[in-house]
PDB file of all heavy atoms in Angstrom:
ATOM      1  N   GLU A   1      -2.429 -14.590 -11.511  1.00  0.00           N
ATOM      2  CA  GLU A   1      -1.849 -13.323 -11.118  1.00  0.00           C
ATOM      3  C   GLU A   1      -1.490 -13.347  -9.626  1.00  0.00           C
ATOM      4  O   GLU A   1      -0.481 -12.789  -9.207  1.00  0.00           O
ATOM      5  CB  GLU A   1      -2.816 -12.179 -11.400  1.00  0.00           C
ATOM      6  CG  GLU A   1      -3.022 -11.941 -12.858  1.00  0.00           C
ATOM      7  CD  GLU A   1      -4.101 -10.905 -13.099  1.00  0.00           C
ATOM      8  OE1 GLU A   1      -4.678 -10.383 -12.121  1.00  0.00           O
ATOM      9  OE2 GLU A   1      -4.309 -10.600 -14.250  1.00  0.00           O
ATOM     10  N   PHE A   2      -2.362 -13.986  -8.840  1.00  0.00           N
ATOM     11  CA  PHE A   2      -2.116 -14.078  -7.403  1.00  0.00           C
ATOM     12  C   PHE A   2      -0.848 -14.874  -7.136  1.00  0.00           C
ATOM     13  O   PHE A   2      -0.009 -14.461  -6.343  1.00  0.00           O
ATOM     14  CB  PHE A   2      -3.321 -14.744  -6.708  1.00  0.00           C
ATOM     15  CG  PHE A   2      -3.093 -14.970  -5.247  1.00  0.00           C
ATOM     16  CD1 PHE A   2      -3.142 -13.922  -4.346  1.00  0.00           C
ATOM     17  CD2 PHE A   2      -2.787 -16.246  -4.763  1.00  0.00           C
ATOM     18  CE1 PHE A   2      -2.922 -14.132  -3.001  1.00  0.00           C
ATOM     19  CE2 PHE A   2      -2.572 -16.461  -3.418  1.00  0.00           C
ATOM     20  CZ  PHE A   2      -2.644 -15.402  -2.527  1.00  0.00           C
ATOM     21  N   PHE A   3      -0.723 -16.040  -7.800  1.00  0.00           N
ATOM     22  CA  PHE A   3       0.473 -16.844  -7.597  1.00  0.00           C
ATOM     23  C   PHE A   3       1.732 -16.154  -8.121  1.00  0.00           C
ATOM     24  O   PHE A   3       2.801 -16.275  -7.531  1.00  0.00           O
ATOM     25  CB  PHE A   3       0.299 -18.223  -8.257  1.00  0.00           C
ATOM     26  CG  PHE A   3      -0.595 -19.122  -7.467  1.00  0.00           C
ATOM     27  CD1 PHE A   3      -1.802 -19.566  -8.000  1.00  0.00           C
ATOM     28  CD2 PHE A   3      -0.243 -19.519  -6.191  1.00  0.00           C
ATOM     29  CE1 PHE A   3      -2.626 -20.380  -7.264  1.00  0.00           C
ATOM     30  CE2 PHE A   3      -1.072 -20.346  -5.467  1.00  0.00           C
ATOM     31  CZ  PHE A   3      -2.270 -20.772  -5.996  1.00  0.00           C
ATOM     32  N   THR A   4       1.594 -15.433  -9.211  1.00  0.00           N
ATOM     33  CA  THR A   4       2.731 -14.693  -9.742  1.00  0.00           C
ATOM     34  C   THR A   4       3.135 -13.609  -8.743  1.00  0.00           C
ATOM     35  O   THR A   4       4.329 -13.424  -8.449  1.00  0.00           O
ATOM     36  CB  THR A   4       2.387 -14.048 -11.094  1.00  0.00           C
ATOM     37  OG1 THR A   4       1.948 -15.060 -11.981  1.00  0.00           O
ATOM     38  CG2 THR A   4       3.580 -13.337 -11.683  1.00  0.00           C
ATOM     39  N   GLY A   5       2.174 -12.888  -8.210  1.00  0.00           N
ATOM     40  CA  GLY A   5       2.458 -11.855  -7.215  1.00  0.00           C
ATOM     41  C   GLY A   5       3.020 -12.460  -5.935  1.00  0.00           C
ATOM     42  O   GLY A   5       3.942 -11.926  -5.314  1.00  0.00           O
ATOM     43  N   PHE A   6       2.431 -13.605  -5.520  1.00  0.00           N
ATOM     44  CA  PHE A   6       2.902 -14.282  -4.311  1.00  0.00           C
ATOM     45  C   PHE A   6       4.334 -14.781  -4.498  1.00  0.00           C
ATOM     46  O   PHE A   6       5.163 -14.673  -3.613  1.00  0.00           O
ATOM     47  CB  PHE A   6       1.948 -15.448  -3.983  1.00  0.00           C
ATOM     48  CG  PHE A   6       2.317 -16.148  -2.726  1.00  0.00           C
ATOM     49  CD1 PHE A   6       2.103 -15.549  -1.489  1.00  0.00           C
ATOM     50  CD2 PHE A   6       2.893 -17.417  -2.762  1.00  0.00           C
ATOM     51  CE1 PHE A   6       2.451 -16.204  -0.329  1.00  0.00           C
ATOM     52  CE2 PHE A   6       3.248 -18.062  -1.602  1.00  0.00           C
ATOM     53  CZ  PHE A   6       3.013 -17.456  -0.374  1.00  0.00           C
ATOM     54  N   THR A   7       4.592 -15.333  -5.676  1.00  0.00           N
ATOM     55  CA  THR A   7       5.921 -15.817  -5.986  1.00  0.00           C
ATOM     56  C   THR A   7       6.915 -14.658  -5.985  1.00  0.00           C
ATOM     57  O   THR A   7       8.020 -14.769  -5.456  1.00  0.00           O
ATOM     58  CB  THR A   7       5.934 -16.522  -7.349  1.00  0.00           C
ATOM     59  OG1 THR A   7       4.967 -17.561  -7.331  1.00  0.00           O
ATOM     60  CG2 THR A   7       7.291 -17.097  -7.668  1.00  0.00           C
ATOM     61  N   ALA A   8       6.515 -13.541  -6.572  1.00  0.00           N
ATOM     62  CA  ALA A   8       7.393 -12.367  -6.616  1.00  0.00           C
ATOM     63  C   ALA A   8       7.674 -11.877  -5.199  1.00  0.00           C
ATOM     64  O   ALA A   8       8.818 -11.541  -4.857  1.00  0.00           O
ATOM     65  CB  ALA A   8       6.771 -11.265  -7.458  1.00  0.00           C
ATOM     66  N   LEU A   9       6.622 -11.847  -4.376  1.00  0.00           N
ATOM     67  CA  LEU A   9       6.812 -11.428  -2.987  1.00  0.00           C
ATOM     68  C   LEU A   9       7.690 -12.414  -2.227  1.00  0.00           C
ATOM     69  O   LEU A   9       8.533 -12.007  -1.416  1.00  0.00           O
ATOM     70  CB  LEU A   9       5.460 -11.290  -2.278  1.00  0.00           C
ATOM     71  CG  LEU A   9       4.672 -10.030  -2.607  1.00  0.00           C
ATOM     72  CD1 LEU A   9       3.304 -10.068  -1.932  1.00  0.00           C
ATOM     73  CD2 LEU A   9       5.431  -8.807  -2.151  1.00  0.00           C
ATOM     74  N   SER A  10       7.520 -13.689  -2.451  1.00  0.00           N
ATOM     75  CA  SER A  10       8.336 -14.704  -1.793  1.00  0.00           C
ATOM     76  C   SER A  10       9.800 -14.562  -2.202  1.00  0.00           C
ATOM     77  O   SER A  10      10.710 -14.641  -1.364  1.00  0.00           O
ATOM     78  CB  SER A  10       7.853 -16.105  -2.144  1.00  0.00           C
ATOM     79  OG  SER A  10       6.544 -16.290  -1.664  1.00  0.00           O
ATOM     80  N   VAL A  11      10.034 -14.364  -3.489  1.00  0.00           N
ATOM     81  CA  VAL A  11      11.390 -14.198  -3.979  1.00  0.00           C
ATOM     82  C   VAL A  11      12.005 -12.927  -3.380  1.00  0.00           C
ATOM     83  O   VAL A  11      13.159 -12.923  -2.920  1.00  0.00           O
ATOM     84  CB  VAL A  11      11.422 -14.152  -5.523  1.00  0.00           C
ATOM     85  CG1 VAL A  11      12.776 -13.705  -6.040  1.00  0.00           C
ATOM     86  CG2 VAL A  11      11.067 -15.513  -6.097  1.00  0.00           C
ATOM     87  N   LEU A  12      11.237 -11.841  -3.360  1.00  0.00           N
ATOM     88  CA  LEU A  12      11.726 -10.604  -2.756  1.00  0.00           C
ATOM     89  C   LEU A  12      12.002 -10.803  -1.261  1.00  0.00           C
ATOM     90  O   LEU A  12      12.977 -10.269  -0.727  1.00  0.00           O
ATOM     91  CB  LEU A  12      10.728  -9.468  -2.974  1.00  0.00           C
ATOM     92  CG  LEU A  12      10.645  -8.906  -4.382  1.00  0.00           C
ATOM     93  CD1 LEU A  12       9.530  -7.867  -4.475  1.00  0.00           C
ATOM     94  CD2 LEU A  12      11.961  -8.302  -4.807  1.00  0.00           C
ATOM     95  N   GLY A  13      11.132 -11.580  -0.591  1.00  0.00           N
ATOM     96  CA  GLY A  13      11.349 -11.880   0.827  1.00  0.00           C
ATOM     97  C   GLY A  13      12.623 -12.674   1.036  1.00  0.00           C
ATOM     98  O   GLY A  13      13.391 -12.424   1.986  1.00  0.00           O
ATOM     99  N   LEU A  14      12.838 -13.673   0.171  1.00  0.00           N
ATOM    100  CA  LEU A  14      14.062 -14.454   0.258  1.00  0.00           C
ATOM    101  C   LEU A  14      15.288 -13.582  -0.001  1.00  0.00           C
ATOM    102  O   LEU A  14      16.307 -13.692   0.697  1.00  0.00           O
ATOM    103  CB  LEU A  14      14.026 -15.617  -0.746  1.00  0.00           C
ATOM    104  CG  LEU A  14      13.203 -16.822  -0.326  1.00  0.00           C
ATOM    105  CD1 LEU A  14      13.113 -17.808  -1.483  1.00  0.00           C
ATOM    106  CD2 LEU A  14      13.834 -17.491   0.869  1.00  0.00           C
ATOM    107  N   ILE A  15      15.202 -12.740  -1.004  1.00  0.00           N
ATOM    108  CA  ILE A  15      16.322 -11.843  -1.299  1.00  0.00           C
ATOM    109  C   ILE A  15      16.557 -10.906  -0.117  1.00  0.00           C
ATOM    110  O   ILE A  15      17.694 -10.699   0.321  1.00  0.00           O
ATOM    111  CB  ILE A  15      16.060 -11.058  -2.595  1.00  0.00           C
ATOM    112  CG1 ILE A  15      16.092 -12.009  -3.803  1.00  0.00           C
ATOM    113  CG2 ILE A  15      17.088  -9.938  -2.773  1.00  0.00           C
ATOM    114  CD1 ILE A  15      15.668 -11.376  -5.101  1.00  0.00           C
ATOM    115  N   GLY A  16      15.476 -10.362   0.434  1.00  0.00           N
ATOM    116  CA  GLY A  16      15.593  -9.467   1.591  1.00  0.00           C
ATOM    117  C   GLY A  16      16.184 -10.197   2.793  1.00  0.00           C
ATOM    118  O   GLY A  16      17.039  -9.672   3.500  1.00  0.00           O
ATOM    119  N   GLY A  17      15.720 -11.429   3.027  1.00  0.00           N
ATOM    120  CA  GLY A  17      16.247 -12.223   4.130  1.00  0.00           C
ATOM    121  C   GLY A  17      17.720 -12.537   3.928  1.00  0.00           C
ATOM    122  O   GLY A  17      18.527 -12.487   4.870  1.00  0.00           O
ATOM    123  N   GLY A  18      18.077 -12.875   2.700  1.00  0.00           N
ATOM    124  CA  GLY A  18      19.474 -13.151   2.380  1.00  0.00           C
ATOM    125  C   GLY A  18      20.340 -11.909   2.571  1.00  0.00           C
ATOM    126  O   GLY A  18      21.447 -11.983   3.124  1.00  0.00           O
ATOM    127  N   LEU A  19      19.827 -10.779   2.126  1.00  0.00           N
ATOM    128  CA  LEU A  19      20.574  -9.533   2.309  1.00  0.00           C
ATOM    129  C   LEU A  19      20.711  -9.186   3.795  1.00  0.00           C
ATOM    130  O   LEU A  19      21.770  -8.734   4.242  1.00  0.00           O
ATOM    131  CB  LEU A  19      19.879  -8.393   1.555  1.00  0.00           C
ATOM    132  CG  LEU A  19      19.994  -8.430   0.028  1.00  0.00           C
ATOM    133  CD1 LEU A  19      19.158  -7.315  -0.581  1.00  0.00           C
ATOM    134  CD2 LEU A  19      21.438  -8.299  -0.413  1.00  0.00           C
ATOM    135  N   ARG A  20      19.604  -9.400   4.544  1.00  0.00           N
ATOM    136  CA  ARG A  20      19.673  -9.122   5.981  1.00  0.00           C
ATOM    137  C   ARG A  20      20.692 -10.044   6.666  1.00  0.00           C
ATOM    138  O   ARG A  20      21.473  -9.608   7.507  1.00  0.00           O
ATOM    139  CB  ARG A  20      18.300  -9.298   6.614  1.00  0.00           C
ATOM    140  CG  ARG A  20      18.261  -8.823   8.052  1.00  0.00           C
ATOM    141  CD  ARG A  20      16.898  -8.879   8.619  1.00  0.00           C
ATOM    142  NE  ARG A  20      16.595 -10.293   8.823  1.00  0.00           N
ATOM    143  CZ  ARG A  20      15.469 -10.753   9.328  1.00  0.00           C
ATOM    144  NH1 ARG A  20      14.517  -9.932   9.642  1.00  0.00           N
ATOM    145  NH2 ARG A  20      15.281 -12.031   9.491  1.00  0.00           N
ATOM    146  N   PHE A  21      20.690 -11.326   6.291  1.00  0.00           N
ATOM    147  CA  PHE A  21      21.644 -12.275   6.851  1.00  0.00           C
ATOM    148  C   PHE A  21      23.080 -11.856   6.516  1.00  0.00           C
ATOM    149  O   PHE A  21      23.962 -11.842   7.380  1.00  0.00           O
ATOM    150  CB  PHE A  21      21.364 -13.686   6.311  1.00  0.00           C
ATOM    151  CG  PHE A  21      22.377 -14.701   6.734  1.00  0.00           C
ATOM    152  CD1 PHE A  21      22.335 -15.236   8.009  1.00  0.00           C
ATOM    153  CD2 PHE A  21      23.378 -15.122   5.859  1.00  0.00           C
ATOM    154  CE1 PHE A  21      23.276 -16.175   8.408  1.00  0.00           C
ATOM    155  CE2 PHE A  21      24.315 -16.053   6.258  1.00  0.00           C
ATOM    156  CZ  PHE A  21      24.265 -16.593   7.524  1.00  0.00           C
ATOM    157  N   ALA A  22      23.299 -11.526   5.244  1.00  0.00           N
ATOM    158  CA  ALA A  22      24.634 -11.104   4.814  1.00  0.00           C
ATOM    159  C   ALA A  22      25.050  -9.828   5.565  1.00  0.00           C
ATOM    160  O   ALA A  22      26.207  -9.693   5.992  1.00  0.00           O
ATOM    161  CB  ALA A  22      24.659 -10.871   3.308  1.00  0.00           C
ATOM    162  N   TRP A  23      24.125  -8.889   5.715  1.00  0.00           N
ATOM    163  CA  TRP A  23      24.428  -7.647   6.429  1.00  0.00           C
ATOM    164  C   TRP A  23      24.801  -7.916   7.886  1.00  0.00           C
ATOM    165  O   TRP A  23      25.768  -7.360   8.397  1.00  0.00           O
ATOM    166  CB  TRP A  23      23.233  -6.698   6.342  1.00  0.00           C
ATOM    167  CG  TRP A  23      23.469  -5.402   7.061  1.00  0.00           C
ATOM    168  CD1 TRP A  23      22.961  -5.030   8.255  1.00  0.00           C
ATOM    169  CD2 TRP A  23      24.305  -4.334   6.639  1.00  0.00           C
ATOM    170  NE1 TRP A  23      23.413  -3.801   8.617  1.00  0.00           N
ATOM    171  CE2 TRP A  23      24.260  -3.333   7.624  1.00  0.00           C
ATOM    172  CE3 TRP A  23      25.099  -4.117   5.518  1.00  0.00           C
ATOM    173  CZ2 TRP A  23      24.961  -2.158   7.524  1.00  0.00           C
ATOM    174  CZ3 TRP A  23      25.784  -2.928   5.437  1.00  0.00           C
ATOM    175  CH2 TRP A  23      25.722  -1.965   6.429  1.00  0.00           C
ATOM    176  N   LYS A  24      24.053  -8.798   8.558  1.00  0.00           N
ATOM    177  CA  LYS A  24      24.356  -9.128   9.953  1.00  0.00           C
ATOM    178  C   LYS A  24      25.705  -9.835  10.073  1.00  0.00           C
ATOM    179  O   LYS A  24      26.460  -9.584  11.014  1.00  0.00           O
ATOM    180  CB  LYS A  24      23.250  -9.994  10.554  1.00  0.00           C
ATOM    181  CG  LYS A  24      22.008  -9.220  10.894  1.00  0.00           C
ATOM    182  CD  LYS A  24      21.010 -10.083  11.624  1.00  0.00           C
ATOM    183  CE  LYS A  24      19.801  -9.276  12.009  1.00  0.00           C
ATOM    184  NZ  LYS A  24      18.838 -10.066  12.786  1.00  0.00           N
ATOM    185  N   GLN A  25      25.990 -10.715   9.129  1.00  0.00           N
ATOM    186  CA  GLN A  25      27.280 -11.394   9.145  1.00  0.00           C
ATOM    187  C   GLN A  25      28.423 -10.390   8.964  1.00  0.00           C
ATOM    188  O   GLN A  25      29.425 -10.436   9.687  1.00  0.00           O
ATOM    189  CB  GLN A  25      27.340 -12.463   8.040  1.00  0.00           C
ATOM    190  CG  GLN A  25      26.490 -13.672   8.300  1.00  0.00           C
ATOM    191  CD  GLN A  25      26.974 -14.442   9.507  1.00  0.00           C
ATOM    192  OE1 GLN A  25      28.169 -14.647   9.690  1.00  0.00           O
ATOM    193  NE2 GLN A  25      26.053 -14.851  10.355  1.00  0.00           N
ATOM    194  N   LEU A  26      28.250  -9.491   8.034  1.00  0.00           N
ATOM    195  CA  LEU A  26      29.286  -8.499   7.754  1.00  0.00           C
ATOM    196  C   LEU A  26      29.476  -7.558   8.948  1.00  0.00           C
ATOM    197  O   LEU A  26      30.602  -7.341   9.390  1.00  0.00           O
ATOM    198  CB  LEU A  26      28.923  -7.698   6.502  1.00  0.00           C
ATOM    199  CG  LEU A  26      29.904  -6.609   6.082  1.00  0.00           C
ATOM    200  CD1 LEU A  26      31.245  -7.228   5.710  1.00  0.00           C
ATOM    201  CD2 LEU A  26      29.352  -5.811   4.920  1.00  0.00           C
ATOM    202  N   THR A  27      28.400  -7.023   9.469  1.00  0.00           N
ATOM    203  CA  THR A  27      28.518  -6.100  10.603  1.00  0.00           C
ATOM    204  C   THR A  27      28.980  -6.835  11.858  1.00  0.00           C
ATOM    205  O   THR A  27      29.700  -6.258  12.679  1.00  0.00           O
ATOM    206  CB  THR A  27      27.202  -5.355  10.867  1.00  0.00           C
ATOM    207  OG1 THR A  27      26.156  -6.299  11.090  1.00  0.00           O
ATOM    208  CG2 THR A  27      26.848  -4.448   9.714  1.00  0.00           C
ATOM    209  N   GLY A  28      28.609  -8.090  12.006  1.00  0.00           N
ATOM    210  CA  GLY A  28      29.080  -8.873  13.151  1.00  0.00           C
ATOM    211  C   GLY A  28      30.588  -9.063  13.105  1.00  0.00           C
ATOM    212  O   GLY A  28      31.271  -8.956  14.113  1.00  0.00           O
TER     213      GLY A  28
END
């Protein structure tokens, strides 16, 4: 359960980071 939760958080972090990168590129 811990690894599943950690994996989910990591994936969400990657998605969030990707969205933040895309947002900065677009606004830039």
